[in-house]
Amino acid sequence: VAGQEPFAFSQIRLTAPKAADGYALPPEGYAPDVSFIELIQAEKSFEKSDPTLYPMSDRGNASTIPSDPVRVRLNTIGKNNWKYPGQWISWETQVPADGYYFIGFRVRQNFLRGLPCTRRLYIDDELPFKEAADISFPYSVNWYTTAAGGSKPYLFFLEKGRHTITLEVSPGQIASTLKNTEDLIFRLNSVYRKIIMITGTTPDIYRNYYLDDEIPDLLPELEDIADRLGNEITNVDTIAGAGGSEASTLSEMEEQLRSFIRDPDSIPERLLRFKENITSLGSWILRIREQAVEIDYLIVASPDHALPSGKTGFL
C-alpha cells in the first residue's frame, strides 16, 4: 500500500504486551454445563497471515478428513508453507454454553526430526495464559491427535457464542538456544578472523605460527565458547527428551574447540574444517528455526469427551 499511495503518520506508540498469568485449574467440583464436541476442518480457516497458507491435500492416510480413494480432496493445511515465526492461522468455533473446554488437534509433524515444533495459541486474539505460548507438537512420521497441554489437557473457559482460535508459529523453548548460538557464531567468526590475520586463508602446515602466543586471549575465548556450547547441547537434549543427533552439529564444534585448546599448534592445518563447522552452525540455526506442522482438524470439546484417536480401522 505504501508503494502505491502517500500517507502520513501522526504518531507511533510502542507499548509492552500484556503479561499473561500462569495456567490455573478450574475450581473444584466444576461440571460441564453441556456435552459438546466439534471437529473444525483445518483447511477451512477463518483468517491467516499469509496467502501461501492455502489448503493442501493428503492422500496417504484414509483417516484424514475428508478423504476419497479417487478424487483429490483439500483436507489439510500447513506443511512447509507454515514454518516461519510470526505466521498464523485462525479458525472459528461456536460453543453452546458457558463452560470449560479443551482444544485438540490432529496433526503430523514429520519435518523437524527429533525436536518438537511449537505454536502460540490465542483465544479471541488474546493469550489465555503464559503456558499457551508453548504448545508443542512432537516429531512423528504418522498422524496423531494431541491436546493443548498434552496428557493433561488445558481447560479453557469459553463463554457461549462465537470464538476464534489462532495458532502462531513460535520457536518455543528452543528460542534461547537459537539466540545464544547466534551470539557464539559471531564470536567464532571473530576468532577465525584473528587467526587468518596471522596464518592467511591457506596456512603453511609445516610452519608453527604460535597462535596461543600471538593471540593472548585465544585459548580462554575458545574455552568459554566451548563451555557455552556444552550448555546449549544440554538444553537441546532436554527439549528433545532423549539423547540423539539433534545437537550433533553443536557437539562437533565443541569437540573441535576443546581439541584446539589441547593442541593449539594443530589449528592452522584444521582451519578449513573450523570454517566449515561455523557455516554448519549457521545452517543448523536456519533449520531449527523452521517449525513446520500440518493440521487435519481441530477439536473443541467439553471435558466429558475423550480425545478422538484420529485413526480408522483397516476396513
C-alpha atoms as a PDB file:
ATOM      1  CA  VAL A   1       0.000   0.000   0.000  1.00  0.00           C
ATOM      2  CA  ALA A   2       2.799   2.428   0.897  1.00  0.00           C
ATOM      3  CA  GLY A   3       4.276   1.921  -2.566  1.00  0.00           C
ATOM      4  CA  GLN A   4       1.023   2.939  -4.271  1.00  0.00           C
ATOM      5  CA  GLU A   5      -0.386   5.829  -2.233  1.00  0.00           C
ATOM      6  CA  PRO A   6       1.125   8.524   0.011  1.00  0.00           C
ATOM      7  CA  PHE A   7       0.187   8.641   3.666  1.00  0.00           C
ATOM      8  CA  ALA A   8       1.244  10.462   6.845  1.00  0.00           C
ATOM      9  CA  PHE A   9       1.908   9.344  10.440  1.00  0.00           C
ATOM     10  CA  SER A  10       0.614  11.400  13.334  1.00  0.00           C
ATOM     11  CA  GLN A  11       2.377   9.288  15.966  1.00  0.00           C
ATOM     12  CA  ILE A  12       3.858   5.865  16.624  1.00  0.00           C
ATOM     13  CA  ARG A  13       3.313   4.313  20.031  1.00  0.00           C
ATOM     14  CA  LEU A  14       5.316   1.379  21.384  1.00  0.00           C
ATOM     15  CA  THR A  15       3.729  -0.439  24.310  1.00  0.00           C
ATOM     16  CA  ALA A  16       4.697  -3.586  26.167  1.00  0.00           C
ATOM     17  CA  PRO A  17       2.372  -6.560  25.584  1.00  0.00           C
ATOM     18  CA  LYS A  18       0.058  -7.519  28.393  1.00  0.00           C
ATOM     19  CA  ALA A  19       1.668 -10.211  30.527  1.00  0.00           C
ATOM     20  CA  ALA A  20      -0.398 -13.385  30.759  1.00  0.00           C
ATOM     21  CA  ASP A  21      -0.928 -15.176  34.066  1.00  0.00           C
ATOM     22  CA  GLY A  22       0.008 -18.797  34.609  1.00  0.00           C
ATOM     23  CA  TYR A  23      -2.461 -21.601  33.947  1.00  0.00           C
ATOM     24  CA  ALA A  24      -4.884 -22.283  36.798  1.00  0.00           C
ATOM     25  CA  LEU A  25      -7.016 -25.402  37.166  1.00  0.00           C
ATOM     26  CA  PRO A  26     -10.803 -24.920  37.158  1.00  0.00           C
ATOM     27  CA  PRO A  27     -12.416 -24.666  40.622  1.00  0.00           C
ATOM     28  CA  GLU A  28     -13.073 -27.971  42.378  1.00  0.00           C
ATOM     29  CA  GLY A  29     -16.420 -29.567  41.749  1.00  0.00           C
ATOM     30  CA  TYR A  30     -16.975 -27.890  38.421  1.00  0.00           C
ATOM     31  CA  ALA A  31     -19.130 -29.778  35.952  1.00  0.00           C
ATOM     32  CA  PRO A  32     -19.670 -29.113  32.265  1.00  0.00           C
ATOM     33  CA  ASP A  33     -22.903 -27.307  31.536  1.00  0.00           C
ATOM     34  CA  VAL A  34     -23.320 -29.205  28.302  1.00  0.00           C
ATOM     35  CA  SER A  35     -21.758 -32.161  26.478  1.00  0.00           C
ATOM     36  CA  PHE A  36     -20.155 -30.806  23.335  1.00  0.00           C
ATOM     37  CA  ILE A  37     -17.564 -31.795  20.741  1.00  0.00           C
ATOM     38  CA  GLU A  38     -16.767 -30.194  17.405  1.00  0.00           C
ATOM     39  CA  LEU A  39     -14.240 -31.087  14.723  1.00  0.00           C
ATOM     40  CA  ILE A  40     -13.102 -27.974  12.863  1.00  0.00           C
ATOM     41  CA  GLN A  41     -11.638 -28.779   9.471  1.00  0.00           C
ATOM     42  CA  ALA A  42      -8.262 -27.025   9.433  1.00  0.00           C
ATOM     43  CA  GLU A  43      -8.381 -26.307   5.708  1.00  0.00           C
ATOM     44  CA  LYS A  44     -11.447 -24.122   6.343  1.00  0.00           C
ATOM     45  CA  SER A  45      -9.528 -21.352   8.079  1.00  0.00           C
ATOM     46  CA  PHE A  46     -11.128 -18.099   9.151  1.00  0.00           C
ATOM     47  CA  GLU A  47      -8.127 -15.797   8.754  1.00  0.00           C
ATOM     48  CA  LYS A  48      -4.424 -16.224   8.025  1.00  0.00           C
ATOM     49  CA  SER A  49      -1.303 -14.099   7.929  1.00  0.00           C
ATOM     50  CA  ASP A  50      -0.008 -15.203   4.502  1.00  0.00           C
ATOM     51  CA  PRO A  51      -1.646 -16.062   1.162  1.00  0.00           C
ATOM     52  CA  THR A  52       0.698 -19.057   0.926  1.00  0.00           C
ATOM     53  CA  LEU A  53      -1.205 -20.726   3.794  1.00  0.00           C
ATOM     54  CA  TYR A  54      -3.682 -22.385   1.481  1.00  0.00           C
ATOM     55  CA  PRO A  55      -5.468 -25.776   1.830  1.00  0.00           C
ATOM     56  CA  MET A  56      -3.460 -28.809   0.752  1.00  0.00           C
ATOM     57  CA  SER A  57      -4.136 -32.461   0.027  1.00  0.00           C
ATOM     58  CA  ASP A  58      -3.045 -35.575   1.886  1.00  0.00           C
ATOM     59  CA  ARG A  59      -3.878 -38.910   0.216  1.00  0.00           C
ATOM     60  CA  GLY A  60      -1.588 -41.082   2.301  1.00  0.00           C
ATOM     61  CA  ASN A  61      -3.981 -41.740   5.183  1.00  0.00           C
ATOM     62  CA  ALA A  62      -7.641 -42.771   4.978  1.00  0.00           C
ATOM     63  CA  SER A  63      -8.282 -41.218   8.416  1.00  0.00           C
ATOM     64  CA  THR A  64      -7.668 -37.716   7.092  1.00  0.00           C
ATOM     65  CA  ILE A  65     -10.976 -35.870   6.792  1.00  0.00           C
ATOM     66  CA  PRO A  66     -12.288 -35.603   4.146  1.00  0.00           C
ATOM     67  CA  SER A  67     -10.710 -38.401   2.126  1.00  0.00           C
ATOM     68  CA  ASP A  68     -11.575 -40.090  -1.129  1.00  0.00           C
ATOM     69  CA  PRO A  69      -9.979 -43.108  -2.813  1.00  0.00           C
ATOM     70  CA  VAL A  70     -10.237 -41.494  -6.248  1.00  0.00           C
ATOM     71  CA  ARG A  71     -10.681 -37.723  -6.030  1.00  0.00           C
ATOM     72  CA  VAL A  72      -8.123 -35.263  -4.687  1.00  0.00           C
ATOM     73  CA  ARG A  73      -9.529 -33.602  -1.570  1.00  0.00           C
ATOM     74  CA  LEU A  74      -8.190 -30.420   0.001  1.00  0.00           C
ATOM     75  CA  ASN A  75      -8.116 -31.725   3.553  1.00  0.00           C
ATOM     76  CA  THR A  76      -5.122 -30.270   5.432  1.00  0.00           C
ATOM     77  CA  ILE A  77      -3.242 -27.018   5.882  1.00  0.00           C
ATOM     78  CA  GLY A  78       0.300 -26.105   6.822  1.00  0.00           C
ATOM     79  CA  LYS A  79       3.313 -28.241   5.924  1.00  0.00           C
ATOM     80  CA  ASN A  80       6.361 -26.305   4.718  1.00  0.00           C
ATOM     81  CA  ASN A  81       4.242 -23.233   3.972  1.00  0.00           C
ATOM     82  CA  TRP A  82       3.662 -22.742   7.708  1.00  0.00           C
ATOM     83  CA  LYS A  83       7.082 -22.784   9.322  1.00  0.00           C
ATOM     84  CA  TYR A  84       8.353 -19.238   9.790  1.00  0.00           C
ATOM     85  CA  PRO A  85       7.972 -17.420  13.147  1.00  0.00           C
ATOM     86  CA  GLY A  86       5.071 -14.971  13.114  1.00  0.00           C
ATOM     87  CA  GLN A  87       2.909 -16.844  10.587  1.00  0.00           C
ATOM     88  CA  TRP A  88      -0.553 -17.599  11.975  1.00  0.00           C
ATOM     89  CA  ILE A  89      -3.849 -19.241  11.066  1.00  0.00           C
ATOM     90  CA  SER A  90      -7.170 -18.792  12.875  1.00  0.00           C
ATOM     91  CA  TRP A  91     -10.401 -20.781  12.926  1.00  0.00           C
ATOM     92  CA  GLU A  92     -13.906 -20.102  14.201  1.00  0.00           C
ATOM     93  CA  THR A  93     -15.882 -22.162  16.697  1.00  0.00           C
ATOM     94  CA  GLN A  94     -19.319 -21.779  18.267  1.00  0.00           C
ATOM     95  CA  VAL A  95     -19.824 -23.173  21.777  1.00  0.00           C
ATOM     96  CA  PRO A  96     -23.365 -23.776  23.064  1.00  0.00           C
ATOM     97  CA  ALA A  97     -22.893 -22.690  26.691  1.00  0.00           C
ATOM     98  CA  ASP A  98     -20.501 -21.075  29.139  1.00  0.00           C
ATOM     99  CA  GLY A  99     -18.037 -23.626  30.424  1.00  0.00           C
ATOM    100  CA  TYR A 100     -14.630 -25.251  30.240  1.00  0.00           C
ATOM    101  CA  TYR A 101     -13.443 -26.865  27.032  1.00  0.00           C
ATOM    102  CA  PHE A 102     -10.235 -28.492  25.868  1.00  0.00           C
ATOM    103  CA  ILE A 103      -8.698 -27.866  22.451  1.00  0.00           C
ATOM    104  CA  GLY A 104      -7.083 -30.675  20.490  1.00  0.00           C
ATOM    105  CA  PHE A 105      -5.550 -31.241  17.082  1.00  0.00           C
ATOM    106  CA  ARG A 106      -4.970 -34.000  14.575  1.00  0.00           C
ATOM    107  CA  VAL A 107      -1.511 -33.203  13.287  1.00  0.00           C
ATOM    108  CA  ARG A 108       1.556 -34.546  11.581  1.00  0.00           C
ATOM    109  CA  GLN A 109       4.973 -33.151  12.406  1.00  0.00           C
ATOM    110  CA  ASN A 110       7.461 -35.081  10.312  1.00  0.00           C
ATOM    111  CA  PHE A 111       9.581 -32.082   9.368  1.00  0.00           C
ATOM    112  CA  LEU A 112      11.886 -31.363  12.340  1.00  0.00           C
ATOM    113  CA  ARG A 113      13.376 -34.730  13.256  1.00  0.00           C
ATOM    114  CA  GLY A 114      13.770 -35.389  16.959  1.00  0.00           C
ATOM    115  CA  LEU A 115      12.514 -31.994  18.157  1.00  0.00           C
ATOM    116  CA  PRO A 116       9.019 -30.609  18.772  1.00  0.00           C
ATOM    117  CA  CYS A 117       7.591 -27.776  16.704  1.00  0.00           C
ATOM    118  CA  THR A 118       5.857 -25.061  18.673  1.00  0.00           C
ATOM    119  CA  ARG A 119       2.796 -22.883  18.263  1.00  0.00           C
ATOM    120  CA  ARG A 120       1.460 -19.979  20.313  1.00  0.00           C
ATOM    121  CA  LEU A 121      -2.291 -20.377  20.942  1.00  0.00           C
ATOM    122  CA  TYR A 122      -4.617 -17.384  21.136  1.00  0.00           C
ATOM    123  CA  ILE A 123      -8.304 -17.333  22.035  1.00  0.00           C
ATOM    124  CA  ASP A 124     -10.082 -14.319  20.538  1.00  0.00           C
ATOM    125  CA  ASP A 125      -6.675 -12.759  19.781  1.00  0.00           C
ATOM    126  CA  GLU A 126      -5.526 -12.968  23.414  1.00  0.00           C
ATOM    127  CA  LEU A 127      -3.067 -15.325  25.077  1.00  0.00           C
ATOM    128  CA  PRO A 128      -5.222 -17.046  27.735  1.00  0.00           C
ATOM    129  CA  PHE A 129      -2.245 -17.915  29.977  1.00  0.00           C
ATOM    130  CA  LYS A 130       1.527 -17.966  29.556  1.00  0.00           C
ATOM    131  CA  GLU A 131       1.718 -21.745  29.008  1.00  0.00           C
ATOM    132  CA  ALA A 132      -0.369 -21.276  25.843  1.00  0.00           C
ATOM    133  CA  ALA A 133       2.698 -19.628  24.287  1.00  0.00           C
ATOM    134  CA  ASP A 134       4.386 -23.029  24.112  1.00  0.00           C
ATOM    135  CA  ILE A 135       2.071 -25.631  22.568  1.00  0.00           C
ATOM    136  CA  SER A 136       4.388 -28.396  21.369  1.00  0.00           C
ATOM    137  CA  PHE A 137       3.887 -30.902  18.556  1.00  0.00           C
ATOM    138  CA  PRO A 138       6.437 -33.752  18.873  1.00  0.00           C
ATOM    139  CA  TYR A 139       8.077 -35.333  15.851  1.00  0.00           C
ATOM    140  CA  SER A 140       6.307 -38.318  14.269  1.00  0.00           C
ATOM    141  CA  VAL A 141       6.171 -39.720  10.753  1.00  0.00           C
ATOM    142  CA  ASN A 142       2.497 -40.574  11.327  1.00  0.00           C
ATOM    143  CA  TRP A 143      -0.620 -38.551  12.022  1.00  0.00           C
ATOM    144  CA  TYR A 144      -1.688 -38.339  15.664  1.00  0.00           C
ATOM    145  CA  THR A 145      -4.118 -36.461  17.888  1.00  0.00           C
ATOM    146  CA  THR A 146      -2.996 -34.376  20.821  1.00  0.00           C
ATOM    147  CA  ALA A 147      -4.459 -31.730  23.071  1.00  0.00           C
ATOM    148  CA  ALA A 148      -3.086 -28.377  24.120  1.00  0.00           C
ATOM    149  CA  GLY A 149      -1.394 -29.355  27.350  1.00  0.00           C
ATOM    150  CA  GLY A 150      -0.545 -32.913  26.332  1.00  0.00           C
ATOM    151  CA  SER A 151      -1.666 -35.802  28.548  1.00  0.00           C
ATOM    152  CA  LYS A 152      -3.285 -33.327  30.980  1.00  0.00           C
ATOM    153  CA  PRO A 153      -5.140 -31.020  28.593  1.00  0.00           C
ATOM    154  CA  TYR A 154      -5.540 -27.371  29.448  1.00  0.00           C
ATOM    155  CA  LEU A 155      -9.146 -26.365  30.050  1.00  0.00           C
ATOM    156  CA  PHE A 156     -10.181 -23.047  28.520  1.00  0.00           C
ATOM    157  CA  PHE A 157     -13.184 -21.145  29.840  1.00  0.00           C
ATOM    158  CA  LEU A 158     -15.305 -20.062  26.892  1.00  0.00           C
ATOM    159  CA  GLU A 159     -18.484 -18.038  27.046  1.00  0.00           C
ATOM    160  CA  LYS A 160     -21.443 -19.107  24.955  1.00  0.00           C
ATOM    161  CA  GLY A 161     -21.147 -17.997  21.356  1.00  0.00           C
ATOM    162  CA  ARG A 162     -18.536 -17.493  18.689  1.00  0.00           C
ATOM    163  CA  HIS A 163     -14.782 -17.589  19.327  1.00  0.00           C
ATOM    164  CA  THR A 164     -11.627 -17.622  17.256  1.00  0.00           C
ATOM    165  CA  ILE A 165      -8.699 -19.977  17.837  1.00  0.00           C
ATOM    166  CA  THR A 166      -5.352 -18.854  16.455  1.00  0.00           C
ATOM    167  CA  LEU A 167      -2.094 -20.767  16.166  1.00  0.00           C
ATOM    168  CA  GLU A 168       1.066 -18.741  15.537  1.00  0.00           C
ATOM    169  CA  VAL A 169       4.481 -20.172  14.669  1.00  0.00           C
ATOM    170  CA  SER A 170       6.854 -19.721  17.589  1.00  0.00           C
ATOM    171  CA  PRO A 171      10.339 -21.127  18.310  1.00  0.00           C
ATOM    172  CA  GLY A 172       9.227 -22.001  21.864  1.00  0.00           C
ATOM    173  CA  GLN A 173      11.777 -23.444  24.286  1.00  0.00           C
ATOM    174  CA  ILE A 174      14.492 -23.638  21.633  1.00  0.00           C
ATOM    175  CA  ALA A 175      14.417 -19.837  21.183  1.00  0.00           C
ATOM    176  CA  SER A 176      17.067 -19.172  23.831  1.00  0.00           C
ATOM    177  CA  THR A 177      19.387 -21.759  22.277  1.00  0.00           C
ATOM    178  CA  LEU A 178      18.980 -20.173  18.844  1.00  0.00           C
ATOM    179  CA  LYS A 179      19.740 -16.719  20.244  1.00  0.00           C
ATOM    180  CA  ASN A 180      22.761 -17.922  22.233  1.00  0.00           C
ATOM    181  CA  THR A 181      24.119 -19.928  19.299  1.00  0.00           C
ATOM    182  CA  GLU A 182      23.859 -16.889  17.022  1.00  0.00           C
ATOM    183  CA  ASP A 183      25.951 -14.946  19.544  1.00  0.00           C
ATOM    184  CA  LEU A 184      28.507 -17.764  19.652  1.00  0.00           C
ATOM    185  CA  ILE A 185      28.751 -17.811  15.842  1.00  0.00           C
ATOM    186  CA  PHE A 186      29.566 -14.108  15.945  1.00  0.00           C
ATOM    187  CA  ARG A 187      32.367 -14.819  18.435  1.00  0.00           C
ATOM    188  CA  LEU A 188      33.643 -17.794  16.427  1.00  0.00           C
ATOM    189  CA  ASN A 189      33.835 -15.674  13.289  1.00  0.00           C
ATOM    190  CA  SER A 190      35.797 -13.102  15.263  1.00  0.00           C
ATOM    191  CA  VAL A 191      38.235 -15.824  16.382  1.00  0.00           C
ATOM    192  CA  TYR A 192      38.558 -17.078  12.793  1.00  0.00           C
ATOM    193  CA  ARG A 193      39.390 -13.580  11.524  1.00  0.00           C
ATOM    194  CA  LYS A 194      42.060 -13.140  14.187  1.00  0.00           C
ATOM    195  CA  ILE A 195      43.634 -16.444  13.169  1.00  0.00           C
ATOM    196  CA  ILE A 196      43.730 -15.765   9.424  1.00  0.00           C
ATOM    197  CA  MET A 197      45.267 -12.332  10.079  1.00  0.00           C
ATOM    198  CA  ILE A 198      48.324 -14.326  11.171  1.00  0.00           C
ATOM    199  CA  THR A 199      48.135 -17.500   9.086  1.00  0.00           C
ATOM    200  CA  GLY A 200      46.309 -16.314   5.977  1.00  0.00           C
ATOM    201  CA  THR A 201      43.454 -18.307   4.476  1.00  0.00           C
ATOM    202  CA  THR A 202      45.787 -21.082   3.290  1.00  0.00           C
ATOM    203  CA  PRO A 203      48.253 -21.686   6.145  1.00  0.00           C
ATOM    204  CA  ASP A 204      51.558 -23.475   5.675  1.00  0.00           C
ATOM    205  CA  ILE A 205      51.007 -26.714   7.613  1.00  0.00           C
ATOM    206  CA  TYR A 206      54.766 -27.125   8.122  1.00  0.00           C
ATOM    207  CA  ARG A 207      55.118 -23.827   9.915  1.00  0.00           C
ATOM    208  CA  ASN A 208      54.466 -23.167  13.592  1.00  0.00           C
ATOM    209  CA  TYR A 209      52.536 -19.917  13.970  1.00  0.00           C
ATOM    210  CA  TYR A 210      52.487 -19.917  17.820  1.00  0.00           C
ATOM    211  CA  LEU A 211      48.860 -18.750  17.767  1.00  0.00           C
ATOM    212  CA  ASP A 212      48.419 -19.032  21.528  1.00  0.00           C
ATOM    213  CA  ASP A 213      51.255 -16.512  21.937  1.00  0.00           C
ATOM    214  CA  GLU A 214      50.290 -14.255  19.041  1.00  0.00           C
ATOM    215  CA  ILE A 215      46.646 -14.111  20.210  1.00  0.00           C
ATOM    216  CA  PRO A 216      46.861 -13.925  24.028  1.00  0.00           C
ATOM    217  CA  ASP A 217      43.124 -14.370  24.639  1.00  0.00           C
ATOM    218  CA  LEU A 218      42.701 -17.200  22.101  1.00  0.00           C
ATOM    219  CA  LEU A 219      42.594 -20.210  24.443  1.00  0.00           C
ATOM    220  CA  PRO A 220      40.387 -18.566  27.138  1.00  0.00           C
ATOM    221  CA  GLU A 221      37.992 -17.434  24.417  1.00  0.00           C
ATOM    222  CA  LEU A 222      37.805 -20.917  22.874  1.00  0.00           C
ATOM    223  CA  GLU A 223      37.259 -22.479  26.291  1.00  0.00           C
ATOM    224  CA  ASP A 224      34.417 -20.087  27.159  1.00  0.00           C
ATOM    225  CA  ILE A 225      32.710 -20.704  23.801  1.00  0.00           C
ATOM    226  CA  ALA A 226      33.084 -24.479  24.230  1.00  0.00           C
ATOM    227  CA  ASP A 227      31.533 -24.308  27.713  1.00  0.00           C
ATOM    228  CA  ARG A 228      28.594 -22.280  26.414  1.00  0.00           C
ATOM    229  CA  LEU A 229      28.092 -24.725  23.550  1.00  0.00           C
ATOM    230  CA  GLY A 230      28.011 -27.525  26.127  1.00  0.00           C
ATOM    231  CA  ASN A 231      25.198 -25.728  27.963  1.00  0.00           C
ATOM    232  CA  GLU A 232      23.194 -25.401  24.748  1.00  0.00           C
ATOM    233  CA  ILE A 233      23.744 -29.088  23.928  1.00  0.00           C
ATOM    234  CA  THR A 234      22.259 -29.971  27.327  1.00  0.00           C
ATOM    235  CA  ASN A 235      19.295 -27.688  26.634  1.00  0.00           C
ATOM    236  CA  VAL A 236      18.639 -29.255  23.214  1.00  0.00           C
ATOM    237  CA  ASP A 237      18.832 -32.779  24.672  1.00  0.00           C
ATOM    238  CA  THR A 238      16.357 -31.767  27.398  1.00  0.00           C
ATOM    239  CA  ILE A 239      13.884 -30.398  24.850  1.00  0.00           C
ATOM    240  CA  ALA A 240      14.289 -33.456  22.606  1.00  0.00           C
ATOM    241  CA  GLY A 241      13.540 -35.698  25.579  1.00  0.00           C
ATOM    242  CA  ALA A 242      16.383 -38.119  24.909  1.00  0.00           C
ATOM    243  CA  GLY A 243      19.951 -38.185  23.766  1.00  0.00           C
ATOM    244  CA  GLY A 244      20.131 -38.137  19.992  1.00  0.00           C
ATOM    245  CA  SER A 245      21.622 -36.443  16.972  1.00  0.00           C
ATOM    246  CA  GLU A 246      19.690 -33.175  17.242  1.00  0.00           C
ATOM    247  CA  ALA A 247      22.687 -31.406  18.782  1.00  0.00           C
ATOM    248  CA  SER A 248      25.376 -33.212  16.761  1.00  0.00           C
ATOM    249  CA  THR A 249      26.402 -30.021  14.944  1.00  0.00           C
ATOM    250  CA  LEU A 250      26.936 -28.232  18.255  1.00  0.00           C
ATOM    251  CA  SER A 251      28.756 -31.257  19.685  1.00  0.00           C
ATOM    252  CA  GLU A 252      31.170 -31.414  16.752  1.00  0.00           C
ATOM    253  CA  MET A 253      32.050 -27.751  17.159  1.00  0.00           C
ATOM    254  CA  GLU A 254      32.503 -28.136  20.919  1.00  0.00           C
ATOM    255  CA  GLU A 255      34.831 -31.110  20.452  1.00  0.00           C
ATOM    256  CA  GLN A 256      36.877 -29.266  17.843  1.00  0.00           C
ATOM    257  CA  LEU A 257      37.305 -26.259  20.127  1.00  0.00           C
ATOM    258  CA  ARG A 258      38.435 -28.460  23.015  1.00  0.00           C
ATOM    259  CA  SER A 259      40.937 -30.199  20.734  1.00  0.00           C
ATOM    260  CA  PHE A 260      42.247 -26.748  19.726  1.00  0.00           C
ATOM    261  CA  ILE A 261      42.766 -25.967  23.417  1.00  0.00           C
ATOM    262  CA  ARG A 262      44.654 -29.233  23.949  1.00  0.00           C
ATOM    263  CA  ASP A 263      46.853 -28.726  20.891  1.00  0.00           C
ATOM    264  CA  PRO A 264      46.982 -25.108  19.626  1.00  0.00           C
ATOM    265  CA  ASP A 265      49.662 -25.985  17.084  1.00  0.00           C
ATOM    266  CA  SER A 266      47.120 -28.089  15.156  1.00  0.00           C
ATOM    267  CA  ILE A 267      44.812 -25.132  14.479  1.00  0.00           C
ATOM    268  CA  PRO A 268      46.359 -23.972  11.148  1.00  0.00           C
ATOM    269  CA  GLU A 269      46.102 -27.372   9.460  1.00  0.00           C
ATOM    270  CA  ARG A 270      42.467 -27.719  10.601  1.00  0.00           C
ATOM    271  CA  LEU A 271      41.420 -24.170   9.770  1.00  0.00           C
ATOM    272  CA  LEU A 272      39.275 -25.148   6.780  1.00  0.00           C
ATOM    273  CA  ARG A 273      37.285 -27.614   8.875  1.00  0.00           C
ATOM    274  CA  PHE A 274      36.874 -24.942  11.540  1.00  0.00           C
ATOM    275  CA  LYS A 275      35.357 -22.586   8.971  1.00  0.00           C
ATOM    276  CA  GLU A 276      33.061 -25.335   7.675  1.00  0.00           C
ATOM    277  CA  ASN A 277      31.818 -26.059  11.203  1.00  0.00           C
ATOM    278  CA  ILE A 278      30.967 -22.390  11.706  1.00  0.00           C
ATOM    279  CA  THR A 279      28.959 -22.490   8.463  1.00  0.00           C
ATOM    280  CA  SER A 280      27.235 -25.686   9.643  1.00  0.00           C
ATOM    281  CA  LEU A 281      26.194 -23.950  12.856  1.00  0.00           C
ATOM    282  CA  GLY A 282      24.532 -21.194  10.818  1.00  0.00           C
ATOM    283  CA  SER A 283      22.698 -23.771   8.702  1.00  0.00           C
ATOM    284  CA  TRP A 284      21.610 -25.617  11.865  1.00  0.00           C
ATOM    285  CA  ILE A 285      20.040 -22.420  13.230  1.00  0.00           C
ATOM    286  CA  LEU A 286      18.117 -21.870   9.986  1.00  0.00           C
ATOM    287  CA  ARG A 287      16.847 -25.466  10.011  1.00  0.00           C
ATOM    288  CA  ILE A 288      15.756 -25.442  13.657  1.00  0.00           C
ATOM    289  CA  ARG A 289      14.049 -22.071  13.278  1.00  0.00           C
ATOM    290  CA  GLU A 290      11.702 -23.547  10.646  1.00  0.00           C
ATOM    291  CA  GLN A 291       8.777 -25.006  12.623  1.00  0.00           C
ATOM    292  CA  ALA A 292       6.573 -26.800  10.077  1.00  0.00           C
ATOM    293  CA  VAL A 293       3.325 -28.513  11.141  1.00  0.00           C
ATOM    294  CA  GLU A 294       0.458 -29.989   9.107  1.00  0.00           C
ATOM    295  CA  ILE A 295      -3.055 -29.973  10.608  1.00  0.00           C
ATOM    296  CA  ASP A 296      -6.058 -32.057   9.579  1.00  0.00           C
ATOM    297  CA  TYR A 297      -8.622 -30.759  12.060  1.00  0.00           C
ATOM    298  CA  LEU A 298      -9.044 -29.043  15.414  1.00  0.00           C
ATOM    299  CA  ILE A 299     -11.107 -30.436  18.278  1.00  0.00           C
ATOM    300  CA  VAL A 300     -13.113 -28.305  20.703  1.00  0.00           C
ATOM    301  CA  ALA A 301     -14.811 -30.435  23.334  1.00  0.00           C
ATOM    302  CA  SER A 302     -16.165 -30.417  26.860  1.00  0.00           C
ATOM    303  CA  PRO A 303     -14.123 -32.393  29.420  1.00  0.00           C
ATOM    304  CA  ASP A 304     -16.564 -35.330  29.451  1.00  0.00           C
ATOM    305  CA  HIS A 305     -15.339 -36.267  25.959  1.00  0.00           C
ATOM    306  CA  ALA A 306     -12.184 -38.229  25.273  1.00  0.00           C
ATOM    307  CA  LEU A 307      -9.697 -37.099  22.695  1.00  0.00           C
ATOM    308  CA  PRO A 308     -10.545 -38.832  19.387  1.00  0.00           C
ATOM    309  CA  SER A 309      -7.958 -41.342  18.263  1.00  0.00           C
ATOM    310  CA  GLY A 310      -7.734 -39.896  14.769  1.00  0.00           C
ATOM    311  CA  LYS A 311      -7.359 -43.391  13.284  1.00  0.00           C
ATOM    312  CA  THR A 312      -9.746 -45.649  11.407  1.00  0.00           C
ATOM    313  CA  GLY A 313      -9.790 -49.420  11.123  1.00  0.00           C
ATOM    314  CA  PHE A 314      -8.452 -51.361   8.171  1.00  0.00           C
ATOM    315  CA  LEU A 315     -11.871 -51.842   6.527  1.00  0.00           C
END
